[in-house]
Amino acid sequence: MPDELLTLKNLGKTSAQWLHASGIHTAEDLRRIGSVNAYHAVKSRGFGASRVLLYAIEGALRDVSWKDLPDVLKHELNTNFDSCIHGNKS
């Protein structure tokens, strides 16, 4: 059975493996949890993912290259992730 996550833009084998290990197996799982929470799930399991994965997941959800995400959106994603890990998420 093909890996659905590998059909999404920006996501490769390692990204998909990290997401699977974090309990995210389908595009619907990814949409439901969102990019910030998915990235947090990966990081909380000790994987050495950089912030590029956060952008890659967001790009996958939007069906665009992560490199094409506006800087303001990247800043918002970083702010939301930082709030998430510090328990200040509203």
PDB file of N, CA and C in Angstrom:
ATOM      1  N   MET A   1       0.852  -1.183   0.000  1.00  0.00           N
ATOM      2  CA  MET A   1       0.000   0.000   0.000  1.00  0.00           C
ATOM      3  C   MET A   1       0.895   1.242   0.000  1.00  0.00           C
ATOM      4  N   PRO A   2       0.690   2.141  -0.956  1.00  0.00           N
ATOM      5  CA  PRO A   2       1.526   3.342  -1.021  1.00  0.00           C
ATOM      6  C   PRO A   2       1.312   4.244   0.198  1.00  0.00           C
ATOM      7  N   ASP A   3       2.343   4.939   0.559  1.00  0.00           N
ATOM      8  CA  ASP A   3       2.289   5.858   1.693  1.00  0.00           C
ATOM      9  C   ASP A   3       1.661   7.169   1.226  1.00  0.00           C
ATOM     10  N   GLU A   4       0.486   7.450   1.719  1.00  0.00           N
ATOM     11  CA  GLU A   4      -0.248   8.655   1.321  1.00  0.00           C
ATOM     12  C   GLU A   4       0.536   9.931   1.611  1.00  0.00           C
ATOM     13  N   LEU A   5       1.273   9.947   2.704  1.00  0.00           N
ATOM     14  CA  LEU A   5       2.021  11.158   3.049  1.00  0.00           C
ATOM     15  C   LEU A   5       3.079  11.480   1.992  1.00  0.00           C
ATOM     16  N   LEU A   6       3.611  10.454   1.351  1.00  0.00           N
ATOM     17  CA  LEU A   6       4.632  10.674   0.326  1.00  0.00           C
ATOM     18  C   LEU A   6       4.060  11.293  -0.946  1.00  0.00           C
ATOM     19  N   THR A   7       2.748  11.320  -1.071  1.00  0.00           N
ATOM     20  CA  THR A   7       2.127  11.952  -2.236  1.00  0.00           C
ATOM     21  C   THR A   7       1.973  13.457  -2.039  1.00  0.00           C
ATOM     22  N   LEU A   8       2.196  13.911  -0.820  1.00  0.00           N
ATOM     23  CA  LEU A   8       2.050  15.344  -0.525  1.00  0.00           C
ATOM     24  C   LEU A   8       3.334  16.090  -0.868  1.00  0.00           C
ATOM     25  N   LYS A   9       3.166  17.286  -1.360  1.00  0.00           N
ATOM     26  CA  LYS A   9       4.302  18.146  -1.690  1.00  0.00           C
ATOM     27  C   LYS A   9       5.155  18.355  -0.444  1.00  0.00           C
ATOM     28  N   ASN A  10       6.459  18.377  -0.619  1.00  0.00           N
ATOM     29  CA  ASN A  10       7.456  18.677   0.418  1.00  0.00           C
ATOM     30  C   ASN A  10       7.825  17.515   1.333  1.00  0.00           C
ATOM     31  N   LEU A  11       7.024  16.463   1.387  1.00  0.00           N
ATOM     32  CA  LEU A  11       7.276  15.399   2.351  1.00  0.00           C
ATOM     33  C   LEU A  11       7.998  14.239   1.697  1.00  0.00           C
ATOM     34  N   GLY A  12       9.144  13.886   2.257  1.00  0.00           N
ATOM     35  CA  GLY A  12       9.926  12.759   1.762  1.00  0.00           C
ATOM     36  C   GLY A  12       9.854  11.590   2.722  1.00  0.00           C
ATOM     37  N   LYS A  13      10.689  10.621   2.464  1.00  0.00           N
ATOM     38  CA  LYS A  13      10.668   9.377   3.227  1.00  0.00           C
ATOM     39  C   LYS A  13      10.906   9.607   4.724  1.00  0.00           C
ATOM     40  N   THR A  14      11.909  10.392   5.051  1.00  0.00           N
ATOM     41  CA  THR A  14      12.213  10.621   6.472  1.00  0.00           C
ATOM     42  C   THR A  14      11.088  11.388   7.158  1.00  0.00           C
ATOM     43  N   SER A  15      10.598  12.429   6.511  1.00  0.00           N
ATOM     44  CA  SER A  15       9.486  13.199   7.084  1.00  0.00           C
ATOM     45  C   SER A  15       8.284  12.297   7.327  1.00  0.00           C
ATOM     46  N   ALA A  16       7.963  11.470   6.343  1.00  0.00           N
ATOM     47  CA  ALA A  16       6.826  10.560   6.482  1.00  0.00           C
ATOM     48  C   ALA A  16       7.055   9.570   7.625  1.00  0.00           C
ATOM     49  N   GLN A  17       8.264   9.041   7.747  1.00  0.00           N
ATOM     50  CA  GLN A  17       8.560   8.103   8.836  1.00  0.00           C
ATOM     51  C   GLN A  17       8.388   8.774  10.191  1.00  0.00           C
ATOM     52  N   TRP A  18       8.879  10.006  10.314  1.00  0.00           N
ATOM     53  CA  TRP A  18       8.724  10.746  11.580  1.00  0.00           C
ATOM     54  C   TRP A  18       7.251  10.986  11.888  1.00  0.00           C
ATOM     55  N   LEU A  19       6.483  11.359  10.877  1.00  0.00           N
ATOM     56  CA  LEU A  19       5.057  11.602  11.092  1.00  0.00           C
ATOM     57  C   LEU A  19       4.346  10.310  11.482  1.00  0.00           C
ATOM     58  N   HIS A  20       4.668   9.218  10.813  1.00  0.00           N
ATOM     59  CA  HIS A  20       4.064   7.925  11.176  1.00  0.00           C
ATOM     60  C   HIS A  20       4.395   7.564  12.626  1.00  0.00           C
ATOM     61  N   ALA A  21       5.642   7.743  13.010  1.00  0.00           N
ATOM     62  CA  ALA A  21       6.055   7.427  14.380  1.00  0.00           C
ATOM     63  C   ALA A  21       5.346   8.318  15.398  1.00  0.00           C
ATOM     64  N   SER A  22       4.832   9.441  14.928  1.00  0.00           N
ATOM     65  CA  SER A  22       4.121  10.385  15.791  1.00  0.00           C
ATOM     66  C   SER A  22       2.610  10.179  15.740  1.00  0.00           C
ATOM     67  N   GLY A  23       2.174   9.124  15.051  1.00  0.00           N
ATOM     68  CA  GLY A  23       0.752   8.804  15.001  1.00  0.00           C
ATOM     69  C   GLY A  23      -0.008   9.472  13.871  1.00  0.00           C
ATOM     70  N   ILE A  24       0.700  10.044  12.927  1.00  0.00           N
ATOM     71  CA  ILE A  24       0.077  10.734  11.797  1.00  0.00           C
ATOM     72  C   ILE A  24       0.339   9.882  10.557  1.00  0.00           C
ATOM     73  N   HIS A  25      -0.733   9.330   9.989  1.00  0.00           N
ATOM     74  CA  HIS A  25      -0.575   8.349   8.921  1.00  0.00           C
ATOM     75  C   HIS A  25      -1.188   8.763   7.587  1.00  0.00           C
ATOM     76  N   THR A  26      -2.107   9.728   7.612  1.00  0.00           N
ATOM     77  CA  THR A  26      -2.796  10.110   6.382  1.00  0.00           C
ATOM     78  C   THR A  26      -2.806  11.628   6.230  1.00  0.00           C
ATOM     79  N   ALA A  27      -3.155  12.064   5.024  1.00  0.00           N
ATOM     80  CA  ALA A  27      -3.307  13.496   4.785  1.00  0.00           C
ATOM     81  C   ALA A  27      -4.411  14.069   5.677  1.00  0.00           C
ATOM     82  N   GLU A  28      -5.452  13.289   5.891  1.00  0.00           N
ATOM     83  CA  GLU A  28      -6.540  13.744   6.763  1.00  0.00           C
ATOM     84  C   GLU A  28      -6.044  13.910   8.205  1.00  0.00           C
ATOM     85  N   ASP A  29      -5.231  12.977   8.681  1.00  0.00           N
ATOM     86  CA  ASP A  29      -4.630  13.124  10.013  1.00  0.00           C
ATOM     87  C   ASP A  29      -3.862  14.439  10.090  1.00  0.00           C
ATOM     88  N   LEU A  30      -3.095  14.712   9.048  1.00  0.00           N
ATOM     89  CA  LEU A  30      -2.271  15.917   9.015  1.00  0.00           C
ATOM     90  C   LEU A  30      -3.140  17.167   9.007  1.00  0.00           C
ATOM     91  N   ARG A  31      -4.198  17.162   8.203  1.00  0.00           N
ATOM     92  CA  ARG A  31      -5.116  18.322   8.163  1.00  0.00           C
ATOM     93  C   ARG A  31      -5.782  18.531   9.518  1.00  0.00           C
ATOM     94  N   ARG A  32      -6.192  17.418  10.125  1.00  0.00           N
ATOM     95  CA  ARG A  32      -6.895  17.507  11.407  1.00  0.00           C
ATOM     96  C   ARG A  32      -6.000  18.082  12.506  1.00  0.00           C
ATOM     97  N   ILE A  33      -4.761  17.616  12.563  1.00  0.00           N
ATOM     98  CA  ILE A  33      -3.864  18.044  13.646  1.00  0.00           C
ATOM     99  C   ILE A  33      -3.217  19.402  13.351  1.00  0.00           C
ATOM    100  N   GLY A  34      -2.987  19.694  12.085  1.00  0.00           N
ATOM    101  CA  GLY A  34      -2.370  20.970  11.708  1.00  0.00           C
ATOM    102  C   GLY A  34      -0.851  20.904  11.755  1.00  0.00           C
ATOM    103  N   SER A  35      -0.235  21.841  11.084  1.00  0.00           N
ATOM    104  CA  SER A  35       1.224  21.817  10.933  1.00  0.00           C
ATOM    105  C   SER A  35       1.968  22.014  12.247  1.00  0.00           C
ATOM    106  N   VAL A  36       1.530  22.945  13.063  1.00  0.00           N
ATOM    107  CA  VAL A  36       2.248  23.222  14.315  1.00  0.00           C
ATOM    108  C   VAL A  36       2.181  22.027  15.252  1.00  0.00           C
ATOM    109  N   ASN A  37       1.008  21.455  15.409  1.00  0.00           N
ATOM    110  CA  ASN A  37       0.871  20.295  16.305  1.00  0.00           C
ATOM    111  C   ASN A  37       1.572  19.061  15.749  1.00  0.00           C
ATOM    112  N   ALA A  38       1.563  18.900  14.432  1.00  0.00           N
ATOM    113  CA  ALA A  38       2.277  17.771  13.825  1.00  0.00           C
ATOM    114  C   ALA A  38       3.778  17.921  14.057  1.00  0.00           C
ATOM    115  N   TYR A  39       4.291  19.117  13.842  1.00  0.00           N
ATOM    116  CA  TYR A  39       5.717  19.365  14.071  1.00  0.00           C
ATOM    117  C   TYR A  39       6.060  19.145  15.543  1.00  0.00           C
ATOM    118  N   HIS A  40       5.205  19.621  16.426  1.00  0.00           N
ATOM    119  CA  HIS A  40       5.420  19.418  17.856  1.00  0.00           C
ATOM    120  C   HIS A  40       5.437  17.930  18.196  1.00  0.00           C
ATOM    121  N   ALA A  41       4.552  17.158  17.587  1.00  0.00           N
ATOM    122  CA  ALA A  41       4.510  15.709  17.838  1.00  0.00           C
ATOM    123  C   ALA A  41       5.823  15.052  17.418  1.00  0.00           C
ATOM    124  N   VAL A  42       6.350  15.472  16.278  1.00  0.00           N
ATOM    125  CA  VAL A  42       7.624  14.926  15.800  1.00  0.00           C
ATOM    126  C   VAL A  42       8.758  15.305  16.749  1.00  0.00           C
ATOM    127  N   LYS A  43       8.840  16.578  17.086  1.00  0.00           N
ATOM    128  CA  LYS A  43       9.913  17.058  17.968  1.00  0.00           C
ATOM    129  C   LYS A  43       9.835  16.412  19.347  1.00  0.00           C
ATOM    130  N   SER A  44       8.625  16.219  19.859  1.00  0.00           N
ATOM    131  CA  SER A  44       8.463  15.669  21.210  1.00  0.00           C
ATOM    132  C   SER A  44       8.891  14.200  21.287  1.00  0.00           C
ATOM    133  N   ARG A  45       9.027  13.560  20.146  1.00  0.00           N
ATOM    134  CA  ARG A  45       9.511  12.184  20.120  1.00  0.00           C
ATOM    135  C   ARG A  45      11.014  12.118  19.925  1.00  0.00           C
ATOM    136  N   GLY A  46      11.664  13.271  19.951  1.00  0.00           N
ATOM    137  CA  GLY A  46      13.113  13.311  19.927  1.00  0.00           C
ATOM    138  C   GLY A  46      13.753  13.315  18.554  1.00  0.00           C
ATOM    139  N   PHE A  47      12.958  13.421  17.503  1.00  0.00           N
ATOM    140  CA  PHE A  47      13.529  13.474  16.164  1.00  0.00           C
ATOM    141  C   PHE A  47      14.188  14.831  15.939  1.00  0.00           C
ATOM    142  N   GLY A  48      15.289  14.835  15.225  1.00  0.00           N
ATOM    143  CA  GLY A  48      16.071  16.049  15.007  1.00  0.00           C
ATOM    144  C   GLY A  48      15.575  16.890  13.846  1.00  0.00           C
ATOM    145  N   ALA A  49      14.305  17.136  13.795  1.00  0.00           N
ATOM    146  CA  ALA A  49      13.712  17.907  12.697  1.00  0.00           C
ATOM    147  C   ALA A  49      13.978  19.398  12.884  1.00  0.00           C
ATOM    148  N   SER A  50      14.358  20.042  11.798  1.00  0.00           N
ATOM    149  CA  SER A  50      14.542  21.496  11.833  1.00  0.00           C
ATOM    150  C   SER A  50      13.208  22.176  11.559  1.00  0.00           C
ATOM    151  N   ARG A  51      13.203  23.496  11.642  1.00  0.00           N
ATOM    152  CA  ARG A  51      11.981  24.250  11.371  1.00  0.00           C
ATOM    153  C   ARG A  51      11.533  24.103   9.919  1.00  0.00           C
ATOM    154  N   VAL A  52      12.430  23.655   9.055  1.00  0.00           N
ATOM    155  CA  VAL A  52      12.033  23.424   7.663  1.00  0.00           C
ATOM    156  C   VAL A  52      10.906  22.388   7.607  1.00  0.00           C
ATOM    157  N   LEU A  53      10.915  21.410   8.507  1.00  0.00           N
ATOM    158  CA  LEU A  53       9.824  20.438   8.522  1.00  0.00           C
ATOM    159  C   LEU A  53       8.506  21.130   8.836  1.00  0.00           C
ATOM    160  N   LEU A  54       8.508  22.054   9.754  1.00  0.00           N
ATOM    161  CA  LEU A  54       7.289  22.816  10.061  1.00  0.00           C
ATOM    162  C   LEU A  54       6.768  23.494   8.798  1.00  0.00           C
ATOM    163  N   TYR A  55       7.661  24.140   8.064  1.00  0.00           N
ATOM    164  CA  TYR A  55       7.261  24.820   6.828  1.00  0.00           C
ATOM    165  C   TYR A  55       6.827  23.809   5.766  1.00  0.00           C
ATOM    166  N   ALA A  56       7.528  22.672   5.710  1.00  0.00           N
ATOM    167  CA  ALA A  56       7.200  21.639   4.726  1.00  0.00           C
ATOM    168  C   ALA A  56       5.799  21.084   4.975  1.00  0.00           C
ATOM    169  N   ILE A  57       5.460  20.877   6.232  1.00  0.00           N
ATOM    170  CA  ILE A  57       4.127  20.369   6.561  1.00  0.00           C
ATOM    171  C   ILE A  57       3.071  21.396   6.180  1.00  0.00           C
ATOM    172  N   GLU A  58       3.310  22.643   6.524  1.00  0.00           N
ATOM    173  CA  GLU A  58       2.350  23.697   6.165  1.00  0.00           C
ATOM    174  C   GLU A  58       2.210  23.786   4.647  1.00  0.00           C
ATOM    175  N   GLY A  59       3.336  23.722   3.940  1.00  0.00           N
ATOM    176  CA  GLY A  59       3.285  23.739   2.484  1.00  0.00           C
ATOM    177  C   GLY A  59       2.531  22.537   1.940  1.00  0.00           C
ATOM    178  N   ALA A  60       2.724  21.372   2.546  1.00  0.00           N
ATOM    179  CA  ALA A  60       2.006  20.170   2.117  1.00  0.00           C
ATOM    180  C   ALA A  60       0.503  20.365   2.258  1.00  0.00           C
ATOM    181  N   LEU A  61       0.100  20.968   3.362  1.00  0.00           N
ATOM    182  CA  LEU A  61      -1.327  21.218   3.587  1.00  0.00           C
ATOM    183  C   LEU A  61      -1.899  22.226   2.588  1.00  0.00           C
ATOM    184  N   ARG A  62      -1.053  23.135   2.127  1.00  0.00           N
ATOM    185  CA  ARG A  62      -1.484  24.157   1.163  1.00  0.00           C
ATOM    186  C   ARG A  62      -1.181  23.766  -0.285  1.00  0.00           C
ATOM    187  N   ASP A  63      -0.505  22.632  -0.470  1.00  0.00           N
ATOM    188  CA  ASP A  63      -0.088  22.142  -1.779  1.00  0.00           C
ATOM    189  C   ASP A  63       0.815  23.142  -2.505  1.00  0.00           C
ATOM    190  N   VAL A  64       1.775  23.686  -1.748  1.00  0.00           N
ATOM    191  CA  VAL A  64       2.776  24.595  -2.312  1.00  0.00           C
ATOM    192  C   VAL A  64       4.148  24.220  -1.749  1.00  0.00           C
ATOM    193  N   SER A  65       5.189  24.626  -2.440  1.00  0.00           N
ATOM    194  CA  SER A  65       6.537  24.419  -1.923  1.00  0.00           C
ATOM    195  C   SER A  65       6.715  25.224  -0.644  1.00  0.00           C
ATOM    196  N   TRP A  66       7.398  24.640   0.316  1.00  0.00           N
ATOM    197  CA  TRP A  66       7.635  25.369   1.571  1.00  0.00           C
ATOM    198  C   TRP A  66       8.436  26.635   1.308  1.00  0.00           C
ATOM    199  N   LYS A  67       9.236  26.649   0.268  1.00  0.00           N
ATOM    200  CA  LYS A  67      10.044  27.820  -0.054  1.00  0.00           C
ATOM    201  C   LYS A  67       9.188  28.995  -0.512  1.00  0.00           C
ATOM    202  N   ASP A  68       7.960  28.699  -0.971  1.00  0.00           N
ATOM    203  CA  ASP A  68       7.059  29.744  -1.446  1.00  0.00           C
ATOM    204  C   ASP A  68       6.154  30.310  -0.357  1.00  0.00           C
ATOM    205  N   LEU A  69       6.252  29.777   0.860  1.00  0.00           N
ATOM    206  CA  LEU A  69       5.447  30.331   1.953  1.00  0.00           C
ATOM    207  C   LEU A  69       5.955  31.731   2.278  1.00  0.00           C
ATOM    208  N   PRO A  70       5.053  32.672   2.462  1.00  0.00           N
ATOM    209  CA  PRO A  70       5.483  34.032   2.807  1.00  0.00           C
ATOM    210  C   PRO A  70       6.201  34.071   4.156  1.00  0.00           C
ATOM    211  N   ASP A  71       7.172  34.960   4.266  1.00  0.00           N
ATOM    212  CA  ASP A  71       7.924  35.092   5.517  1.00  0.00           C
ATOM    213  C   ASP A  71       7.006  35.379   6.698  1.00  0.00           C
ATOM    214  N   VAL A  72       5.953  36.153   6.478  1.00  0.00           N
ATOM    215  CA  VAL A  72       5.034  36.466   7.572  1.00  0.00           C
ATOM    216  C   VAL A  72       4.343  35.195   8.080  1.00  0.00           C
ATOM    217  N   LEU A  73       4.029  34.268   7.183  1.00  0.00           N
ATOM    218  CA  LEU A  73       3.422  33.002   7.594  1.00  0.00           C
ATOM    219  C   LEU A  73       4.434  32.146   8.349  1.00  0.00           C
ATOM    220  N   LYS A  74       5.668  32.101   7.871  1.00  0.00           N
ATOM    221  CA  LYS A  74       6.711  31.356   8.579  1.00  0.00           C
ATOM    222  C   LYS A  74       6.897  31.916   9.993  1.00  0.00           C
ATOM    223  N   HIS A  75       6.878  33.223  10.101  1.00  0.00           N
ATOM    224  CA  HIS A  75       7.003  33.861  11.421  1.00  0.00           C
ATOM    225  C   HIS A  75       5.824  33.453  12.319  1.00  0.00           C
ATOM    226  N   GLU A  76       4.619  33.451  11.758  1.00  0.00           N
ATOM    227  CA  GLU A  76       3.431  33.062  12.522  1.00  0.00           C
ATOM    228  C   GLU A  76       3.524  31.598  12.971  1.00  0.00           C
ATOM    229  N   LEU A  77       3.990  30.737  12.085  1.00  0.00           N
ATOM    230  CA  LEU A  77       4.158  29.325  12.447  1.00  0.00           C
ATOM    231  C   LEU A  77       5.170  29.168  13.581  1.00  0.00           C
ATOM    232  N   ASN A  78       6.286  29.887  13.479  1.00  0.00           N
ATOM    233  CA  ASN A  78       7.301  29.833  14.532  1.00  0.00           C
ATOM    234  C   ASN A  78       6.756  30.340  15.857  1.00  0.00           C
ATOM    235  N   THR A  79       6.019  31.435  15.815  1.00  0.00           N
ATOM    236  CA  THR A  79       5.432  32.002  17.029  1.00  0.00           C
ATOM    237  C   THR A  79       4.451  31.013  17.653  1.00  0.00           C
ATOM    238  N   ASN A  80       3.615  30.404  16.822  1.00  0.00           N
ATOM    239  CA  ASN A  80       2.644  29.430  17.339  1.00  0.00           C
ATOM    240  C   ASN A  80       3.340  28.208  17.928  1.00  0.00           C
ATOM    241  N   PHE A  81       4.399  27.748  17.281  1.00  0.00           N
ATOM    242  CA  PHE A  81       5.134  26.604  17.822  1.00  0.00           C
ATOM    243  C   PHE A  81       5.802  26.970  19.136  1.00  0.00           C
ATOM    244  N   ASP A  82       6.453  28.129  19.180  1.00  0.00           N
ATOM    245  CA  ASP A  82       7.113  28.552  20.417  1.00  0.00           C
ATOM    246  C   ASP A  82       6.110  28.676  21.557  1.00  0.00           C
ATOM    247  N   SER A  83       4.922  29.196  21.263  1.00  0.00           N
ATOM    248  CA  SER A  83       3.871  29.285  22.280  1.00  0.00           C
ATOM    249  C   SER A  83       3.421  27.905  22.715  1.00  0.00           C
ATOM    250  N   CYS A  84       3.339  26.999  21.762  1.00  0.00           N
ATOM    251  CA  CYS A  84       2.899  25.623  22.041  1.00  0.00           C
ATOM    252  C   CYS A  84       3.873  24.944  23.004  1.00  0.00           C
ATOM    253  N   ILE A  85       5.157  25.060  22.750  1.00  0.00           N
ATOM    254  CA  ILE A  85       6.128  24.359  23.593  1.00  0.00           C
ATOM    255  C   ILE A  85       6.315  25.012  24.956  1.00  0.00           C
ATOM    256  N   HIS A  86       5.916  26.279  25.051  1.00  0.00           N
ATOM    257  CA  HIS A  86       6.023  26.961  26.343  1.00  0.00           C
ATOM    258  C   HIS A  86       4.710  26.989  27.097  1.00  0.00           C
ATOM    259  N   GLY A  87       3.712  26.267  26.569  1.00  0.00           N
ATOM    260  CA  GLY A  87       2.432  26.148  27.277  1.00  0.00           C
ATOM    261  C   GLY A  87       1.582  27.393  27.259  1.00  0.00           C
ATOM    262  N   ASN A  88       1.869  28.306  26.332  1.00  0.00           N
ATOM    263  CA  ASN A  88       1.105  29.555  26.277  1.00  0.00           C
ATOM    264  C   ASN A  88       0.143  29.592  25.104  1.00  0.00           C
ATOM    265  N   LYS A  89      -0.116  28.464  24.494  1.00  0.00           N
ATOM    266  CA  LYS A  89      -0.969  28.445  23.320  1.00  0.00           C
ATOM    267  C   LYS A  89      -2.376  28.833  23.714  1.00  0.00           C
ATOM    268  N   SER A  90      -2.931  29.779  22.976  1.00  0.00           N
ATOM    269  CA  SER A  90      -4.292  30.215  23.311  1.00  0.00           C
ATOM    270  C   SER A  90      -5.314  29.624  22.398  1.00  0.00           C
TER     271      SER A  90
END
